[in-house]
PDB file of N, CA and C in Angstrom:
ATOM      1  N   UNK A   1      93.571  55.894 280.120  1.00  0.00           N
ATOM      2  CA  UNK A   1      92.598  56.633 281.273  1.00  0.00           C
ATOM      3  C   UNK A   1      91.278  55.565 281.419  1.00  0.00           C
ATOM      4  N   UNK A   2      90.709  55.676 282.800  1.00  0.00           N
ATOM      5  CA  UNK A   2      89.232  55.188 283.121  1.00  0.00           C
ATOM      6  C   UNK A   2      88.537  56.633 283.164  1.00  0.00           C
ATOM      7  N   UNK A   3      86.816  55.919 282.383  1.00  0.00           N
ATOM      8  CA  UNK A   3      86.412  56.900 283.232  1.00  0.00           C
ATOM      9  C   UNK A   3      86.385  57.470 284.313  1.00  0.00           C
ATOM     10  N   UNK A   4      86.435  57.082 285.617  1.00  0.00           N
ATOM     11  CA  UNK A   4      86.503  57.670 286.598  1.00  0.00           C
ATOM     12  C   UNK A   4      87.365  58.775 286.442  1.00  0.00           C
ATOM     13  N   UNK A   5      88.688  58.713 286.056  1.00  0.00           N
ATOM     14  CA  UNK A   5      89.777  59.505 286.365  1.00  0.00           C
ATOM     15  C   UNK A   5      89.254  60.719 285.189  1.00  0.00           C
ATOM     16  N   UNK A   6      88.844  60.326 283.600  1.00  0.00           N
ATOM     17  CA  UNK A   6      88.794  61.527 283.058  1.00  0.00           C
ATOM     18  C   UNK A   6      87.185  62.435 283.654  1.00  0.00           C
ATOM     19  N   UNK A   7      86.368  61.981 284.548  1.00  0.00           N
ATOM     20  CA  UNK A   7      85.500  62.519 285.151  1.00  0.00           C
ATOM     21  C   UNK A   7      86.387  63.320 286.187  1.00  0.00           C
ATOM     22  N   UNK A   8      87.168  62.946 287.085  1.00  0.00           N
ATOM     23  CA  UNK A   8      87.573  63.607 288.389  1.00  0.00           C
ATOM     24  C   UNK A   8      88.602  64.579 287.601  1.00  0.00           C
ATOM     25  N   UNK A   9      89.450  64.439 286.654  1.00  0.00           N
ATOM     26  CA  UNK A   9      90.164  65.685 285.611  1.00  0.00           C
ATOM     27  C   UNK A   9      89.108  66.706 285.280  1.00  0.00           C
ATOM     28  N   UNK A  10      87.875  66.323 284.867  1.00  0.00           N
ATOM     29  CA  UNK A  10      86.690  67.570 284.063  1.00  0.00           C
ATOM     30  C   UNK A  10      86.848  68.233 285.391  1.00  0.00           C
ATOM     31  N   UNK A  11      86.089  67.680 286.516  1.00  0.00           N
ATOM     32  CA  UNK A  11      85.939  68.242 287.315  1.00  0.00           C
ATOM     33  C   UNK A  11      86.510  69.068 288.131  1.00  0.00           C
ATOM     34  N   UNK A  12      87.876  68.744 288.501  1.00  0.00           N
ATOM     35  CA  UNK A  12      89.118  69.580 288.489  1.00  0.00           C
ATOM     36  C   UNK A  12      89.482  71.006 287.508  1.00  0.00           C
ATOM     37  N   UNK A  13      89.312  70.881 286.184  1.00  0.00           N
ATOM     38  CA  UNK A  13      89.335  71.623 285.415  1.00  0.00           C
ATOM     39  C   UNK A  13      88.275  72.262 285.230  1.00  0.00           C
ATOM     40  N   UNK A  14      87.180  72.530 285.636  1.00  0.00           N
ATOM     41  CA  UNK A  14      85.712  73.111 286.112  1.00  0.00           C
ATOM     42  C   UNK A  14      85.965  73.875 286.808  1.00  0.00           C
ATOM     43  N   UNK A  15      86.227  73.478 287.965  1.00  0.00           N
ATOM     44  CA  UNK A  15      86.660  74.311 289.422  1.00  0.00           C
ATOM     45  C   UNK A  15      87.812  75.389 288.864  1.00  0.00           C
ATOM     46  N   UNK A  16      89.010  74.924 288.681  1.00  0.00           N
ATOM     47  CA  UNK A  16      89.835  75.686 288.206  1.00  0.00           C
ATOM     48  C   UNK A  16      89.407  76.776 287.719  1.00  0.00           C
ATOM     49  N   UNK A  17      88.858  76.582 286.420  1.00  0.00           N
ATOM     50  CA  UNK A  17      88.544  77.669 285.855  1.00  0.00           C
ATOM     51  C   UNK A  17      87.226  78.383 286.456  1.00  0.00           C
ATOM     52  N   UNK A  18      87.117  78.001 287.228  1.00  0.00           N
ATOM     53  CA  UNK A  18      85.661  78.849 288.302  1.00  0.00           C
ATOM     54  C   UNK A  18      86.484  79.957 289.005  1.00  0.00           C
ATOM     55  N   UNK A  19      87.579  79.595 289.601  1.00  0.00           N
ATOM     56  CA  UNK A  19      88.117  80.223 290.403  1.00  0.00           C
ATOM     57  C   UNK A  19      88.280  81.320 289.598  1.00  0.00           C
ATOM     58  N   UNK A  20      88.952  81.324 287.972  1.00  0.00           N
ATOM     59  CA  UNK A  20      89.427  82.620 287.461  1.00  0.00           C
ATOM     60  C   UNK A  20      88.691  83.313 287.191  1.00  0.00           C
ATOM     61  N   UNK A  21      87.349  82.971 287.438  1.00  0.00           N
ATOM     62  CA  UNK A  21      86.070  83.839 286.548  1.00  0.00           C
ATOM     63  C   UNK A  21      86.177  84.921 287.894  1.00  0.00           C
ATOM     64  N   UNK A  22      86.283  86.595 287.097  1.00  0.00           N
ATOM     65  CA  UNK A  22      85.764  87.546 287.599  1.00  0.00           C
ATOM     66  C   UNK A  22      83.988  87.986 287.936  1.00  0.00           C
ATOM     67  N   UNK A  23      83.283  87.148 289.350  1.00  0.00           N
ATOM     68  CA  UNK A  23      82.398  87.313 289.346  1.00  0.00           C
ATOM     69  C   UNK A  23      81.676  88.723 289.761  1.00  0.00           C
ATOM     70  N   UNK A  24      80.240  89.238 289.243  1.00  0.00           N
ATOM     71  CA  UNK A  24      80.271  90.473 289.854  1.00  0.00           C
ATOM     72  C   UNK A  24      79.479  90.793 290.939  1.00  0.00           C
ATOM     73  N   UNK A  25      79.479  92.081 291.816  1.00  0.00           N
ATOM     74  CA  UNK A  25      79.011  91.900 292.791  1.00  0.00           C
ATOM     75  C   UNK A  25      77.568  92.355 292.873  1.00  0.00           C
ATOM     76  N   UNK A  26      77.020  92.565 294.282  1.00  0.00           N
ATOM     77  CA  UNK A  26      75.660  91.958 294.139  1.00  0.00           C
ATOM     78  C   UNK A  26      75.248  93.634 293.573  1.00  0.00           C
ATOM     79  N   UNK A  27      75.540  95.000 293.966  1.00  0.00           N
ATOM     80  CA  UNK A  27      74.789  95.906 293.414  1.00  0.00           C
ATOM     81  C   UNK A  27      75.699  95.766 291.757  1.00  0.00           C
ATOM     82  N   UNK A  28      76.209  95.240 291.025  1.00  0.00           N
ATOM     83  CA  UNK A  28      76.464  94.906 289.920  1.00  0.00           C
ATOM     84  C   UNK A  28      75.220  94.159 289.138  1.00  0.00           C
ATOM     85  N   UNK A  29      75.063  92.849 289.731  1.00  0.00           N
ATOM     86  CA  UNK A  29      74.088  92.081 289.369  1.00  0.00           C
ATOM     87  C   UNK A  29      72.681  92.583 289.611  1.00  0.00           C
ATOM     88  N   UNK A  30      72.768  93.555 290.683  1.00  0.00           N
ATOM     89  CA  UNK A  30      71.354  94.220 290.365  1.00  0.00           C
ATOM     90  C   UNK A  30      71.012  95.167 289.354  1.00  0.00           C
ATOM     91  N   UNK A  31      71.941  96.144 289.211  1.00  0.00           N
ATOM     92  CA  UNK A  31      71.836  97.193 288.352  1.00  0.00           C
ATOM     93  C   UNK A  31      71.939  95.950 286.717  1.00  0.00           C
ATOM     94  N   UNK A  32      72.579  95.499 285.932  1.00  0.00           N
ATOM     95  CA  UNK A  32      72.127  94.623 284.933  1.00  0.00           C
ATOM     96  C   UNK A  32      71.121  93.644 285.247  1.00  0.00           C
ATOM     97  N   UNK A  33      70.693  93.185 285.963  1.00  0.00           N
ATOM     98  CA  UNK A  33      69.068  92.892 286.319  1.00  0.00           C
ATOM     99  C   UNK A  33      68.336  93.595 286.055  1.00  0.00           C
ATOM    100  N   UNK A  34      68.367  94.705 286.701  1.00  0.00           N
ATOM    101  CA  UNK A  34      67.208  95.935 286.161  1.00  0.00           C
ATOM    102  C   UNK A  34      67.284  96.352 284.705  1.00  0.00           C
ATOM    103  N   UNK A  35      68.443  96.259 284.241  1.00  0.00           N
ATOM    104  CA  UNK A  35      68.578  96.543 282.438  1.00  0.00           C
ATOM    105  C   UNK A  35      67.751  95.868 281.534  1.00  0.00           C
ATOM    106  N   UNK A  36      67.892  94.712 282.217  1.00  0.00           N
ATOM    107  CA  UNK A  36      67.186  93.120 281.474  1.00  0.00           C
ATOM    108  C   UNK A  36      66.005  93.485 281.444  1.00  0.00           C
ATOM    109  N   UNK A  37      65.465  93.660 282.846  1.00  0.00           N
ATOM    110  CA  UNK A  37      63.871  93.873 283.170  1.00  0.00           C
ATOM    111  C   UNK A  37      63.217  94.545 282.399  1.00  0.00           C
ATOM    112  N   UNK A  38      63.817  96.137 282.603  1.00  0.00           N
ATOM    113  CA  UNK A  38      63.122  97.601 281.956  1.00  0.00           C
ATOM    114  C   UNK A  38      63.240  96.725 280.182  1.00  0.00           C
ATOM    115  N   UNK A  39      64.418  96.647 279.809  1.00  0.00           N
ATOM    116  CA  UNK A  39      64.433  96.532 278.305  1.00  0.00           C
ATOM    117  C   UNK A  39      63.226  95.110 278.233  1.00  0.00           C
ATOM    118  N   UNK A  40      63.368  94.074 278.517  1.00  0.00           N
ATOM    119  CA  UNK A  40      61.922  93.200 278.036  1.00  0.00           C
ATOM    120  C   UNK A  40      61.045  93.857 278.673  1.00  0.00           C
ATOM    121  N   UNK A  41      60.767  94.680 279.346  1.00  0.00           N
ATOM    122  CA  UNK A  41      59.228  95.111 279.292  1.00  0.00           C
ATOM    123  C   UNK A  41      59.035  96.306 277.922  1.00  0.00           C
ATOM    124  N   UNK A  42      59.904  97.037 278.086  1.00  0.00           N
ATOM    125  CA  UNK A  42      59.689  98.130 276.611  1.00  0.00           C
ATOM    126  C   UNK A  42      59.661  96.992 275.350  1.00  0.00           C
ATOM    127  N   UNK A  43      60.305  96.012 275.231  1.00  0.00           N
ATOM    128  CA  UNK A  43      60.114  94.681 273.848  1.00  0.00           C
ATOM    129  C   UNK A  43      59.002  94.112 273.801  1.00  0.00           C
ATOM    130  N   UNK A  44      58.837  94.065 275.304  1.00  0.00           N
ATOM    131  CA  UNK A  44      57.114  93.279 275.214  1.00  0.00           C
ATOM    132  C   UNK A  44      55.972  94.547 274.838  1.00  0.00           C
ATOM    133  N   UNK A  45      56.300  95.839 275.655  1.00  0.00           N
ATOM    134  CA  UNK A  45      55.019  97.279 275.527  1.00  0.00           C
ATOM    135  C   UNK A  45      54.980  96.996 273.594  1.00  0.00           C
ATOM    136  N   UNK A  46      56.398  97.269 273.326  1.00  0.00           N
ATOM    137  CA  UNK A  46      56.362  97.734 271.661  1.00  0.00           C
ATOM    138  C   UNK A  46      56.137  96.744 270.701  1.00  0.00           C
ATOM    139  N   UNK A  47      56.137  95.175 271.451  1.00  0.00           N
ATOM    140  CA  UNK A  47      56.245  93.640 270.262  1.00  0.00           C
ATOM    141  C   UNK A  47      54.002  93.991 270.486  1.00  0.00           C
ATOM    142  N   UNK A  48      53.596  94.046 271.604  1.00  0.00           N
ATOM    143  CA  UNK A  48      52.200  94.178 271.899  1.00  0.00           C
ATOM    144  C   UNK A  48      51.012  95.179 270.901  1.00  0.00           C
ATOM    145  N   UNK A  49      52.365  96.645 271.243  1.00  0.00           N
ATOM    146  CA  UNK A  49      51.876  97.918 270.238  1.00  0.00           C
ATOM    147  C   UNK A  49      51.746  97.647 268.577  1.00  0.00           C
ATOM    148  N   UNK A  50      52.706  97.024 268.282  1.00  0.00           N
ATOM    149  CA  UNK A  50      53.122  96.327 266.610  1.00  0.00           C
ATOM    150  C   UNK A  50      51.727  94.984 266.245  1.00  0.00           C
ATOM    151  N   UNK A  51      51.486  94.328 266.889  1.00  0.00           N
ATOM    152  CA  UNK A  51      50.824  93.699 267.073  1.00  0.00           C
ATOM    153  C   UNK A  51      49.366  94.065 266.755  1.00  0.00           C
ATOM    154  N   UNK A  52      48.874  94.877 267.253  1.00  0.00           N
ATOM    155  CA  UNK A  52      47.735  95.691 267.793  1.00  0.00           C
ATOM    156  C   UNK A  52      47.330  96.475 266.804  1.00  0.00           C
ATOM    157  N   UNK A  53      48.521  97.132 265.955  1.00  0.00           N
ATOM    158  CA  UNK A  53      48.355  97.798 264.523  1.00  0.00           C
ATOM    159  C   UNK A  53      48.682  96.727 263.440  1.00  0.00           C
ATOM    160  N   UNK A  54      48.946  96.052 263.473  1.00  0.00           N
ATOM    161  CA  UNK A  54      48.873  94.941 262.713  1.00  0.00           C
ATOM    162  C   UNK A  54      47.670  94.194 262.408  1.00  0.00           C
ATOM    163  N   UNK A  55      47.236  94.012 263.577  1.00  0.00           N
ATOM    164  CA  UNK A  55      45.685  93.609 263.097  1.00  0.00           C
ATOM    165  C   UNK A  55      44.747  94.271 262.890  1.00  0.00           C
ATOM    166  N   UNK A  56      45.123  95.693 263.108  1.00  0.00           N
ATOM    167  CA  UNK A  56      43.904  96.668 263.113  1.00  0.00           C
ATOM    168  C   UNK A  56      43.855  96.676 261.496  1.00  0.00           C
ATOM    169  N   UNK A  57      44.902  96.445 261.073  1.00  0.00           N
ATOM    170  CA  UNK A  57      45.469  96.674 259.378  1.00  0.00           C
ATOM    171  C   UNK A  57      44.948  95.653 258.600  1.00  0.00           C
ATOM    172  N   UNK A  58      45.054  94.467 259.029  1.00  0.00           N
ATOM    173  CA  UNK A  58      44.652  93.096 258.628  1.00  0.00           C
ATOM    174  C   UNK A  58      43.253  93.293 258.384  1.00  0.00           C
ATOM    175  N   UNK A  59      42.528  93.232 260.008  1.00  0.00           N
ATOM    176  CA  UNK A  59      40.820  93.212 259.945  1.00  0.00           C
ATOM    177  C   UNK A  59      40.386  94.584 258.908  1.00  0.00           C
ATOM    178  N   UNK A  60      41.073  95.604 258.544  1.00  0.00           N
ATOM    179  CA  UNK A  60      40.462  96.896 257.722  1.00  0.00           C
ATOM    180  C   UNK A  60      40.838  96.215 256.120  1.00  0.00           C
ATOM    181  N   UNK A  61      41.517  95.232 256.105  1.00  0.00           N
ATOM    182  CA  UNK A  61      41.971  94.927 254.336  1.00  0.00           C
ATOM    183  C   UNK A  61      40.852  93.911 254.385  1.00  0.00           C
ATOM    184  N   UNK A  62      40.785  93.233 255.262  1.00  0.00           N
ATOM    185  CA  UNK A  62      39.783  92.010 254.744  1.00  0.00           C
ATOM    186  C   UNK A  62      38.287  92.472 254.825  1.00  0.00           C
ATOM    187  N   UNK A  63      37.879  93.575 255.525  1.00  0.00           N
ATOM    188  CA  UNK A  63      36.186  93.816 255.448  1.00  0.00           C
ATOM    189  C   UNK A  63      36.306  95.106 254.834  1.00  0.00           C
ATOM    190  N   UNK A  64      37.490  95.627 253.281  1.00  0.00           N
ATOM    191  CA  UNK A  64      37.641  96.138 252.759  1.00  0.00           C
ATOM    192  C   UNK A  64      36.617  95.661 251.450  1.00  0.00           C
ATOM    193  N   UNK A  65      36.092  94.246 251.555  1.00  0.00           N
ATOM    194  CA  UNK A  65      35.480  93.662 250.499  1.00  0.00           C
ATOM    195  C   UNK A  65      34.076  94.612 250.042  1.00  0.00           C
TER     196      UNK A  65
END
């Protein structure tokens, strides 16, 4: 089987599989995107807070001498 034939078969197989996919509606996509953004922001705030606390503890420990 020539390389061109393999590429054609691959592209046809990909198109066939993509036709089987259950794509989300626009509303489902917006909802999921909103959830990801909210949790990303919450995680960023949590990480920032934990970093600030750990930074204070390290400064406190290093200045205790």
